[in-house]
Full PDB file with SEQRES, HELIX, SHEET, SSBOND, CRYST1, ORIGX, SCALE, CONECT and MASTER records, all heavy atoms in Angstrom:
SEQRES   1 A   37  ALA GLU ASN ILE PRO ILE ILE ALA GLU GLN THR GLN ILE          
SEQRES   2 A   37  HIS GLN PHE HIS LEU SER GLY LYS ARG ASN GLU PRO GLY          
SEQRES   3 A   37  PRO MET GLN TYR ARG LYS GLU GLY VAL PRO MET                  
HELIX    1 AA1 ILE A    4  THR A   11  1                                   8    
CRYST1    1.000    1.000    1.000  90.00  90.00  90.00 P 1           1          
ORIGX1      1.000000  0.000000  0.000000        0.00000                         
ORIGX2      0.000000  1.000000  0.000000        0.00000                         
ORIGX3      0.000000  0.000000  1.000000        0.00000                         
SCALE1      1.000000  0.000000  0.000000        0.00000                         
SCALE2      0.000000  1.000000  0.000000        0.00000                         
SCALE3      0.000000  0.000000  1.000000        0.00000                         
ATOM      1  N   ALA A   1      95.860 140.920  98.371  1.00  0.00           N  
ATOM      2  CA  ALA A   1      97.016 140.996  99.366  1.00  0.00           C  
ATOM      3  C   ALA A   1      97.521 139.529  99.524  1.00  0.00           C  
ATOM      4  O   ALA A   1      98.707 139.461  99.784  1.00  0.00           O  
ATOM      5  CB  ALA A   1      96.520 141.518 100.715  1.00  0.00           C  
ATOM      6  N   GLU A   2      96.611 138.506  99.422  1.00  0.00           N  
ATOM      7  CA  GLU A   2      97.085 137.154  99.647  1.00  0.00           C  
ATOM      8  C   GLU A   2      97.963 136.720  98.569  1.00  0.00           C  
ATOM      9  O   GLU A   2      98.831 135.855  98.833  1.00  0.00           O  
ATOM     10  CB  GLU A   2      95.875 136.266  99.792  1.00  0.00           C  
ATOM     11  CG  GLU A   2      95.096 136.470 101.112  1.00  0.00           C  
ATOM     12  CD  GLU A   2      94.345 137.750 101.183  1.00  0.00           C  
ATOM     13  OE1 GLU A   2      93.836 138.291 100.070  1.00  0.00           O  
ATOM     14  OE2 GLU A   2      94.330 138.305 102.285  1.00  0.00           O  
ATOM     15  N   ASN A   3      97.662 137.014  97.328  1.00  0.00           N  
ATOM     16  CA  ASN A   3      98.457 136.339  96.206  1.00  0.00           C  
ATOM     17  C   ASN A   3      99.596 137.348  95.661  1.00  0.00           C  
ATOM     18  O   ASN A   3     100.361 136.857  94.876  1.00  0.00           O  
ATOM     19  CB  ASN A   3      97.599 135.928  95.103  1.00  0.00           C  
ATOM     20  CG  ASN A   3      96.704 137.039  94.426  1.00  0.00           C  
ATOM     21  OD1 ASN A   3      97.140 138.073  94.302  1.00  0.00           O  
ATOM     22  ND2 ASN A   3      95.465 136.617  93.960  1.00  0.00           N  
ATOM     23  N   ILE A   4      99.602 138.512  96.076  1.00  0.00           N  
ATOM     24  CA  ILE A   4     100.670 139.443  95.558  1.00  0.00           C  
ATOM     25  C   ILE A   4     102.026 138.798  95.761  1.00  0.00           C  
ATOM     26  O   ILE A   4     103.003 138.855  94.814  1.00  0.00           O  
ATOM     27  CB  ILE A   4     100.574 140.889  96.198  1.00  0.00           C  
ATOM     28  CG1 ILE A   4      99.374 141.598  95.436  1.00  0.00           C  
ATOM     29  CG2 ILE A   4     101.871 141.553  96.083  1.00  0.00           C  
ATOM     30  CD1 ILE A   4      99.177 142.966  96.022  1.00  0.00           C  
ATOM     31  N   PRO A   5     102.399 138.374  97.109  1.00  0.00           N  
ATOM     32  CA  PRO A   5     103.831 137.778  97.257  1.00  0.00           C  
ATOM     33  C   PRO A   5     104.005 136.622  96.299  1.00  0.00           C  
ATOM     34  O   PRO A   5     105.114 136.491  95.852  1.00  0.00           O  
ATOM     35  CB  PRO A   5     103.735 137.384  98.686  1.00  0.00           C  
ATOM     36  CG  PRO A   5     102.630 138.099  99.384  1.00  0.00           C  
ATOM     37  CD  PRO A   5     101.606 138.296  98.303  1.00  0.00           C  
ATOM     38  N   ILE A   6     102.989 135.799  96.117  1.00  0.00           N  
ATOM     39  CA  ILE A   6     103.264 134.597  95.140  1.00  0.00           C  
ATOM     40  C   ILE A   6     103.596 135.165  93.657  1.00  0.00           C  
ATOM     41  O   ILE A   6     104.608 134.722  93.077  1.00  0.00           O  
ATOM     42  CB  ILE A   6     102.036 133.669  95.099  1.00  0.00           C  
ATOM     43  CG1 ILE A   6     101.719 133.263  96.542  1.00  0.00           C  
ATOM     44  CG2 ILE A   6     102.250 132.516  94.187  1.00  0.00           C  
ATOM     45  CD1 ILE A   6     100.326 132.544  96.642  1.00  0.00           C  
ATOM     46  N   ILE A   7     102.768 136.105  93.237  1.00  0.00           N  
ATOM     47  CA  ILE A   7     102.927 136.633  91.850  1.00  0.00           C  
ATOM     48  C   ILE A   7     104.195 137.298  91.803  1.00  0.00           C  
ATOM     49  O   ILE A   7     105.009 137.170  90.782  1.00  0.00           O  
ATOM     50  CB  ILE A   7     101.784 137.554  91.531  1.00  0.00           C  
ATOM     51  CG1 ILE A   7     100.413 136.784  91.494  1.00  0.00           C  
ATOM     52  CG2 ILE A   7     102.002 138.154  90.138  1.00  0.00           C  
ATOM     53  CD1 ILE A   7      99.245 137.726  91.338  1.00  0.00           C  
ATOM     54  N   ALA A   8     104.538 138.130  92.814  1.00  0.00           N  
ATOM     55  CA  ALA A   8     105.758 138.808  92.747  1.00  0.00           C  
ATOM     56  C   ALA A   8     106.965 137.862  92.866  1.00  0.00           C  
ATOM     57  O   ALA A   8     108.029 138.194  91.973  1.00  0.00           O  
ATOM     58  CB  ALA A   8     105.916 139.849  93.964  1.00  0.00           C  
ATOM     59  N   GLU A   9     106.921 136.870  93.451  1.00  0.00           N  
ATOM     60  CA  GLU A   9     108.105 135.913  93.557  1.00  0.00           C  
ATOM     61  C   GLU A   9     108.203 135.122  92.243  1.00  0.00           C  
ATOM     62  O   GLU A   9     109.396 134.927  91.747  1.00  0.00           O  
ATOM     63  CB  GLU A   9     107.873 134.892  94.686  1.00  0.00           C  
ATOM     64  CG  GLU A   9     109.008 133.965  94.847  1.00  0.00           C  
ATOM     65  CD  GLU A   9     108.764 132.955  95.930  1.00  0.00           C  
ATOM     66  OE1 GLU A   9     107.746 132.966  96.598  1.00  0.00           O  
ATOM     67  OE2 GLU A   9     109.781 132.174  96.231  1.00  0.00           O  
ATOM     68  N   GLN A  10     107.134 134.839  91.725  1.00  0.00           N  
ATOM     69  CA  GLN A  10     107.174 133.897  90.484  1.00  0.00           C  
ATOM     70  C   GLN A  10     107.552 134.783  89.173  1.00  0.00           C  
ATOM     71  O   GLN A  10     108.079 134.205  88.266  1.00  0.00           O  
ATOM     72  CB  GLN A  10     105.790 133.218  90.209  1.00  0.00           C  
ATOM     73  CG  GLN A  10     105.545 132.185  91.310  1.00  0.00           C  
ATOM     74  CD  GLN A  10     104.240 131.415  90.965  1.00  0.00           C  
ATOM     75  OE1 GLN A  10     103.531 131.607  90.049  1.00  0.00           O  
ATOM     76  NE2 GLN A  10     103.917 130.541  91.927  1.00  0.00           N  
ATOM     77  N   THR A  11     107.118 136.075  89.177  1.00  0.00           N  
ATOM     78  CA  THR A  11     107.320 136.780  88.026  1.00  0.00           C  
ATOM     79  C   THR A  11     108.384 137.911  88.065  1.00  0.00           C  
ATOM     80  O   THR A  11     108.775 138.444  86.959  1.00  0.00           O  
ATOM     81  CB  THR A  11     105.909 137.487  87.600  1.00  0.00           C  
ATOM     82  OG1 THR A  11     105.657 138.530  88.589  1.00  0.00           O  
ATOM     83  CG2 THR A  11     104.870 136.473  87.537  1.00  0.00           C  
ATOM     84  N   GLN A  12     108.663 138.452  89.319  1.00  0.00           N  
ATOM     85  CA  GLN A  12     109.696 139.539  89.549  1.00  0.00           C  
ATOM     86  C   GLN A  12     109.020 140.865  89.059  1.00  0.00           C  
ATOM     87  O   GLN A  12     109.688 141.871  88.943  1.00  0.00           O  
ATOM     88  CB  GLN A  12     110.904 139.242  88.783  1.00  0.00           C  
ATOM     89  CG  GLN A  12     111.679 137.991  89.147  1.00  0.00           C  
ATOM     90  CD  GLN A  12     111.891 137.990  90.628  1.00  0.00           C  
ATOM     91  OE1 GLN A  12     112.496 138.810  91.267  1.00  0.00           O  
ATOM     92  NE2 GLN A  12     111.421 136.912  91.328  1.00  0.00           N  
ATOM     93  N   ILE A  13     107.650 140.803  88.906  1.00  0.00           N  
ATOM     94  CA  ILE A  13     106.927 142.093  88.570  1.00  0.00           C  
ATOM     95  C   ILE A  13     106.785 142.971  89.818  1.00  0.00           C  
ATOM     96  O   ILE A  13     106.614 142.571  90.888  1.00  0.00           O  
ATOM     97  CB  ILE A  13     105.603 141.747  87.890  1.00  0.00           C  
ATOM     98  CG1 ILE A  13     105.846 141.286  86.543  1.00  0.00           C  
ATOM     99  CG2 ILE A  13     104.626 143.023  87.884  1.00  0.00           C  
ATOM    100  CD1 ILE A  13     104.550 140.798  85.810  1.00  0.00           C  
ATOM    101  N   HIS A  14     106.883 144.318  89.622  1.00  0.00           N  
ATOM    102  CA  HIS A  14     106.718 145.281  90.764  1.00  0.00           C  
ATOM    103  C   HIS A  14     105.554 146.136  90.818  1.00  0.00           C  
ATOM    104  O   HIS A  14     105.431 146.981  91.633  1.00  0.00           O  
ATOM    105  CB  HIS A  14     108.101 146.096  90.717  1.00  0.00           C  
ATOM    106  CG  HIS A  14     109.273 145.406  91.174  1.00  0.00           C  
ATOM    107  ND1 HIS A  14     110.007 144.492  90.344  1.00  0.00           N  
ATOM    108  CD2 HIS A  14     110.048 145.521  92.298  1.00  0.00           C  
ATOM    109  CE1 HIS A  14     111.031 144.019  90.953  1.00  0.00           C  
ATOM    110  NE2 HIS A  14     111.063 144.620  92.141  1.00  0.00           N  
ATOM    111  N   GLN A  15     104.606 145.898  89.794  1.00  0.00           N  
ATOM    112  CA  GLN A  15     103.442 146.756  89.693  1.00  0.00           C  
ATOM    113  C   GLN A  15     102.297 145.879  89.785  1.00  0.00           C  
ATOM    114  O   GLN A  15     102.181 144.860  88.907  1.00  0.00           O  
ATOM    115  CB  GLN A  15     103.597 147.584  88.509  1.00  0.00           C  
ATOM    116  CG  GLN A  15     104.739 148.605  88.358  1.00  0.00           C  
ATOM    117  CD  GLN A  15     104.513 149.768  87.427  1.00  0.00           C  
ATOM    118  OE1 GLN A  15     103.423 150.045  86.928  1.00  0.00           O  
ATOM    119  NE2 GLN A  15     105.715 150.258  86.921  1.00  0.00           N  
ATOM    120  N   PHE A  16     101.137 146.335  90.482  1.00  0.00           N  
ATOM    121  CA  PHE A  16     100.115 145.517  90.713  1.00  0.00           C  
ATOM    122  C   PHE A  16      98.898 146.327  90.628  1.00  0.00           C  
ATOM    123  O   PHE A  16      98.780 147.521  91.192  1.00  0.00           O  
ATOM    124  CB  PHE A  16     100.087 144.754  92.089  1.00  0.00           C  
ATOM    125  CG  PHE A  16     101.244 143.840  92.130  1.00  0.00           C  
ATOM    126  CD1 PHE A  16     102.557 144.154  92.536  1.00  0.00           C  
ATOM    127  CD2 PHE A  16     100.996 142.506  91.773  1.00  0.00           C  
ATOM    128  CE1 PHE A  16     103.601 143.188  92.593  1.00  0.00           C  
ATOM    129  CE2 PHE A  16     102.103 141.439  91.884  1.00  0.00           C  
ATOM    130  CZ  PHE A  16     103.367 141.881  92.270  1.00  0.00           C  
ATOM    131  N   HIS A  17      97.726 145.743  89.998  1.00  0.00           N  
ATOM    132  CA  HIS A  17      96.474 146.486  89.770  1.00  0.00           C  
ATOM    133  C   HIS A  17      95.358 145.734  90.315  1.00  0.00           C  
ATOM    134  O   HIS A  17      95.281 144.556  90.040  1.00  0.00           O  
ATOM    135  CB  HIS A  17      96.352 146.611  88.155  1.00  0.00           C  
ATOM    136  CG  HIS A  17      95.098 147.122  87.682  1.00  0.00           C  
ATOM    137  ND1 HIS A  17      94.897 148.387  87.217  1.00  0.00           N  
ATOM    138  CD2 HIS A  17      93.919 146.388  87.548  1.00  0.00           C  
ATOM    139  CE1 HIS A  17      93.670 148.439  86.789  1.00  0.00           C  
ATOM    140  NE2 HIS A  17      93.005 147.333  86.940  1.00  0.00           N  
ATOM    141  N   LEU A  18      94.531 146.346  91.050  1.00  0.00           N  
ATOM    142  CA  LEU A  18      93.327 145.740  91.598  1.00  0.00           C  
ATOM    143  C   LEU A  18      92.251 146.707  91.763  1.00  0.00           C  
ATOM    144  O   LEU A  18      92.523 147.908  92.004  1.00  0.00           O  
ATOM    145  CB  LEU A  18      93.699 144.970  92.864  1.00  0.00           C  
ATOM    146  CG  LEU A  18      94.200 145.720  94.043  1.00  0.00           C  
ATOM    147  CD1 LEU A  18      93.329 145.459  95.235  1.00  0.00           C  
ATOM    148  CD2 LEU A  18      95.657 145.329  94.301  1.00  0.00           C  
ATOM    149  N   SER A  19      91.103 146.304  92.108  1.00  0.00           N  
ATOM    150  CA  SER A  19      89.931 147.166  92.429  1.00  0.00           C  
ATOM    151  C   SER A  19      89.645 147.135  93.847  1.00  0.00           C  
ATOM    152  O   SER A  19      89.232 148.029  94.385  1.00  0.00           O  
ATOM    153  CB  SER A  19      88.675 146.849  91.512  1.00  0.00           C  
ATOM    154  OG  SER A  19      88.179 145.584  91.799  1.00  0.00           O  
ATOM    155  N   GLY A  20      89.690 145.890  94.501  1.00  0.00           N  
ATOM    156  CA  GLY A  20      89.389 145.815  95.786  1.00  0.00           C  
ATOM    157  C   GLY A  20      87.919 146.237  96.201  1.00  0.00           C  
ATOM    158  O   GLY A  20      87.781 146.681  97.369  1.00  0.00           O  
ATOM    159  N   LYS A  21      87.021 146.110  95.210  1.00  0.00           N  
ATOM    160  CA  LYS A  21      85.749 146.547  95.465  1.00  0.00           C  
ATOM    161  C   LYS A  21      84.846 145.536  96.299  1.00  0.00           C  
ATOM    162  O   LYS A  21      85.101 144.354  96.530  1.00  0.00           O  
ATOM    163  CB  LYS A  21      84.945 146.722  94.101  1.00  0.00           C  
ATOM    164  CG  LYS A  21      84.929 145.381  93.268  1.00  0.00           C  
ATOM    165  CD  LYS A  21      84.306 145.804  91.832  1.00  0.00           C  
ATOM    166  CE  LYS A  21      84.218 144.523  90.971  1.00  0.00           C  
ATOM    167  NZ  LYS A  21      85.583 143.959  90.519  1.00  0.00           N  
ATOM    168  N   ARG A  22      83.825 146.065  96.831  1.00  0.00           N  
ATOM    169  CA  ARG A  22      82.837 145.387  97.642  1.00  0.00           C  
ATOM    170  C   ARG A  22      81.506 145.940  97.347  1.00  0.00           C  
ATOM    171  O   ARG A  22      81.336 147.088  97.106  1.00  0.00           O  
ATOM    172  CB  ARG A  22      83.180 145.382  99.129  1.00  0.00           C  
ATOM    173  CG  ARG A  22      83.002 146.753  99.817  1.00  0.00           C  
ATOM    174  CD  ARG A  22      83.376 146.625 101.203  1.00  0.00           C  
ATOM    175  NE  ARG A  22      83.302 148.024 101.921  1.00  0.00           N  
ATOM    176  CZ  ARG A  22      83.767 148.282 103.080  1.00  0.00           C  
ATOM    177  NH1 ARG A  22      84.495 147.343 103.796  1.00  0.00           N  
ATOM    178  NH2 ARG A  22      83.562 149.552 103.634  1.00  0.00           N  
ATOM    179  N   ASN A  23      80.375 145.176  97.501  1.00  0.00           N  
ATOM    180  CA  ASN A  23      79.083 145.598  97.373  1.00  0.00           C  
ATOM    181  C   ASN A  23      78.635 146.268  98.730  1.00  0.00           C  
ATOM    182  O   ASN A  23      78.850 145.717  99.892  1.00  0.00           O  
ATOM    183  CB  ASN A  23      78.049 144.383  97.045  1.00  0.00           C  
ATOM    184  CG  ASN A  23      78.348 143.846  95.661  1.00  0.00           C  
ATOM    185  OD1 ASN A  23      78.821 144.615  94.755  1.00  0.00           O  
ATOM    186  ND2 ASN A  23      77.944 142.621  95.403  1.00  0.00           N  
ATOM    187  N   GLU A  24      77.994 147.397  98.548  1.00  0.00           N  
ATOM    188  CA  GLU A  24      77.476 148.110  99.673  1.00  0.00           C  
ATOM    189  C   GLU A  24      76.016 148.518  99.517  1.00  0.00           C  
ATOM    190  O   GLU A  24      75.705 148.839  98.307  1.00  0.00           O  
ATOM    191  CB  GLU A  24      78.303 149.358 100.065  1.00  0.00           C  
ATOM    192  CG  GLU A  24      79.729 148.973 100.387  1.00  0.00           C  
ATOM    193  CD  GLU A  24      80.620 150.237 100.596  1.00  0.00           C  
ATOM    194  OE1 GLU A  24      80.009 151.272 100.974  1.00  0.00           O  
ATOM    195  OE2 GLU A  24      81.842 150.134 100.742  1.00  0.00           O  
ATOM    196  N   PRO A  25      75.208 148.394 100.424  1.00  0.00           N  
ATOM    197  CA  PRO A  25      73.801 148.829 100.258  1.00  0.00           C  
ATOM    198  C   PRO A  25      73.618 150.348  99.865  1.00  0.00           C  
ATOM    199  O   PRO A  25      74.364 151.197 100.389  1.00  0.00           O  
ATOM    200  CB  PRO A  25      73.114 148.610 101.611  1.00  0.00           C  
ATOM    201  CG  PRO A  25      74.231 148.623 102.550  1.00  0.00           C  
ATOM    202  CD  PRO A  25      75.435 148.184 101.869  1.00  0.00           C  
ATOM    203  N   GLY A  26      72.734 150.755  99.012  1.00  0.00           N  
ATOM    204  CA  GLY A  26      72.470 152.059  98.556  1.00  0.00           C  
ATOM    205  C   GLY A  26      71.489 152.678  99.515  1.00  0.00           C  
ATOM    206  O   GLY A  26      71.000 152.040 100.484  1.00  0.00           O  
ATOM    207  N   PRO A  27      71.165 153.932  99.390  1.00  0.00           N  
ATOM    208  CA  PRO A  27      70.459 154.632 100.396  1.00  0.00           C  
ATOM    209  C   PRO A  27      68.908 154.580 100.248  1.00  0.00           C  
ATOM    210  O   PRO A  27      68.158 155.008 101.050  1.00  0.00           O  
ATOM    211  CB  PRO A  27      70.780 156.192 100.142  1.00  0.00           C  
ATOM    212  CG  PRO A  27      71.151 156.219  98.684  1.00  0.00           C  
ATOM    213  CD  PRO A  27      71.728 154.892  98.428  1.00  0.00           C  
ATOM    214  N   MET A  28      68.419 153.879  99.143  1.00  0.00           N  
ATOM    215  CA  MET A  28      67.039 153.916  98.805  1.00  0.00           C  
ATOM    216  C   MET A  28      66.261 153.056  99.873  1.00  0.00           C  
ATOM    217  O   MET A  28      66.637 151.862 100.249  1.00  0.00           O  
ATOM    218  CB  MET A  28      66.758 153.245  97.467  1.00  0.00           C  
ATOM    219  CG  MET A  28      67.093 154.068  96.324  1.00  0.00           C  
ATOM    220  SD  MET A  28      66.034 155.662  96.126  1.00  0.00           S  
ATOM    221  CE  MET A  28      64.450 154.873  96.027  1.00  0.00           C  
ATOM    222  N   GLN A  29      65.265 153.689 100.474  1.00  0.00           N  
ATOM    223  CA  GLN A  29      64.359 153.008 101.315  1.00  0.00           C  
ATOM    224  C   GLN A  29      63.162 152.247 100.738  1.00  0.00           C  
ATOM    225  O   GLN A  29      62.790 151.183 100.899  1.00  0.00           O  
ATOM    226  CB  GLN A  29      63.792 153.919 102.566  1.00  0.00           C  
ATOM    227  CG  GLN A  29      65.119 154.377 103.343  1.00  0.00           C  
ATOM    228  CD  GLN A  29      64.543 155.356 104.308  1.00  0.00           C  
ATOM    229  OE1 GLN A  29      63.360 155.742 104.493  1.00  0.00           O  
ATOM    230  NE2 GLN A  29      65.513 155.903 105.196  1.00  0.00           N  
ATOM    231  N   TYR A  30      62.549 153.049  99.681  1.00  0.00           N  
ATOM    232  CA  TYR A  30      61.518 152.510  98.904  1.00  0.00           C  
ATOM    233  C   TYR A  30      62.305 151.725  97.753  1.00  0.00           C  
ATOM    234  O   TYR A  30      63.020 152.282  97.106  1.00  0.00           O  
ATOM    235  CB  TYR A  30      60.607 153.545  98.309  1.00  0.00           C  
ATOM    236  CG  TYR A  30      59.673 152.971  97.334  1.00  0.00           C  
ATOM    237  CD1 TYR A  30      58.616 152.107  97.738  1.00  0.00           C  
ATOM    238  CD2 TYR A  30      59.835 153.156  95.997  1.00  0.00           C  
ATOM    239  CE1 TYR A  30      57.651 151.648  96.860  1.00  0.00           C  
ATOM    240  CE2 TYR A  30      59.006 152.554  95.081  1.00  0.00           C  
ATOM    241  CZ  TYR A  30      57.856 151.802  95.519  1.00  0.00           C  
ATOM    242  OH  TYR A  30      57.033 151.299  94.508  1.00  0.00           O  
ATOM    243  N   ARG A  31      61.865 150.391  97.657  1.00  0.00           N  
ATOM    244  CA  ARG A  31      62.533 149.608  96.646  1.00  0.00           C  
ATOM    245  C   ARG A  31      61.647 148.723  95.793  1.00  0.00           C  
ATOM    246  O   ARG A  31      60.828 147.983  96.261  1.00  0.00           O  
ATOM    247  CB  ARG A  31      63.468 148.547  97.412  1.00  0.00           C  
ATOM    248  CG  ARG A  31      64.505 149.238  98.249  1.00  0.00           C  
ATOM    249  CD  ARG A  31      65.716 148.297  98.615  1.00  0.00           C  
ATOM    250  NE  ARG A  31      66.756 149.016  99.280  1.00  0.00           N  
ATOM    251  CZ  ARG A  31      67.955 148.525  99.523  1.00  0.00           C  
ATOM    252  NH1 ARG A  31      68.176 147.096  99.251  1.00  0.00           N  
ATOM    253  NH2 ARG A  31      68.761 149.252 100.079  1.00  0.00           N  
ATOM    254  N   LYS A  32      61.609 149.256  94.523  1.00  0.00           N  
ATOM    255  CA  LYS A  32      60.656 148.657  93.463  1.00  0.00           C  
ATOM    256  C   LYS A  32      61.411 147.395  92.957  1.00  0.00           C  
ATOM    257  O   LYS A  32      62.202 147.520  92.080  1.00  0.00           O  
ATOM    258  CB  LYS A  32      60.319 149.570  92.437  1.00  0.00           C  
ATOM    259  CG  LYS A  32      59.276 149.081  91.435  1.00  0.00           C  
ATOM    260  CD  LYS A  32      57.932 149.240  92.031  1.00  0.00           C  
ATOM    261  CE  LYS A  32      56.822 148.998  91.039  1.00  0.00           C  
ATOM    262  NZ  LYS A  32      55.518 149.098  91.666  1.00  0.00           N  
ATOM    263  N   GLU A  33      61.062 146.176  93.497  1.00  0.00           N  
ATOM    264  CA  GLU A  33      61.670 144.965  93.097  1.00  0.00           C  
ATOM    265  C   GLU A  33      61.086 144.503  91.742  1.00  0.00           C  
ATOM    266  O   GLU A  33      59.913 144.760  91.367  1.00  0.00           O  
ATOM    267  CB  GLU A  33      61.499 143.886  94.160  1.00  0.00           C  
ATOM    268  CG  GLU A  33      62.047 144.283  95.458  1.00  0.00           C  
ATOM    269  CD  GLU A  33      63.588 144.314  95.593  1.00  0.00           C  
ATOM    270  OE1 GLU A  33      64.245 143.898  94.588  1.00  0.00           O  
ATOM    271  OE2 GLU A  33      64.055 144.661  96.720  1.00  0.00           O  
ATOM    272  N   GLY A  34      61.908 143.697  91.052  1.00  0.00           N  
ATOM    273  CA  GLY A  34      61.461 143.063  89.874  1.00  0.00           C  
ATOM    274  C   GLY A  34      61.360 143.843  88.544  1.00  0.00           C  
ATOM    275  O   GLY A  34      60.824 143.599  87.558  1.00  0.00           O  
ATOM    276  N   VAL A  35      62.159 145.060  88.664  1.00  0.00           N  
ATOM    277  CA  VAL A  35      62.147 145.925  87.549  1.00  0.00           C  
ATOM    278  C   VAL A  35      63.707 146.287  87.322  1.00  0.00           C  
ATOM    279  O   VAL A  35      64.165 147.334  87.686  1.00  0.00           O  
ATOM    280  CB  VAL A  35      61.427 147.152  87.762  1.00  0.00           C  
ATOM    281  CG1 VAL A  35      61.246 148.081  86.453  1.00  0.00           C  
ATOM    282  CG2 VAL A  35      59.966 147.037  88.292  1.00  0.00           C  
ATOM    283  N   PRO A  36      64.415 145.321  86.658  1.00  0.00           N  
ATOM    284  CA  PRO A  36      65.766 145.593  86.468  1.00  0.00           C  
ATOM    285  C   PRO A  36      66.045 146.722  85.481  1.00  0.00           C  
ATOM    286  O   PRO A  36      65.353 146.822  84.438  1.00  0.00           O  
ATOM    287  CB  PRO A  36      66.351 144.166  85.925  1.00  0.00           C  
ATOM    288  CG  PRO A  36      65.126 143.586  85.344  1.00  0.00           C  
ATOM    289  CD  PRO A  36      64.000 144.047  86.170  1.00  0.00           C  
ATOM    290  N   MET A  37      67.122 147.419  85.706  1.00  0.00           N  
ATOM    291  CA  MET A  37      67.471 148.674  84.972  1.00  0.00           C  
ATOM    292  C   MET A  37      68.710 148.399  84.077  1.00  0.00           C  
ATOM    293  O   MET A  37      69.001 149.186  83.176  1.00  0.00           O  
ATOM    294  CB  MET A  37      67.701 149.899  85.832  1.00  0.00           C  
ATOM    295  CG  MET A  37      66.491 150.446  86.541  1.00  0.00           C  
ATOM    296  SD  MET A  37      65.349 151.120  85.434  1.00  0.00           S  
ATOM    297  CE  MET A  37      63.815 150.469  85.980  1.00  0.00           C  
TER     298      MET A  37                                                      
MASTER        0    0    0    1    0    0    0    6  297    1    0    3          
END                                                                             
């Protein structure tokens, strides 16, 4: 959202693509650490 106006003004492009993702904790209560999958 912060850079869309800048990109739009500089390029005149009207279509924008983003994921807007964030990390969220999973539901697992028992956590086996040190075993990467």
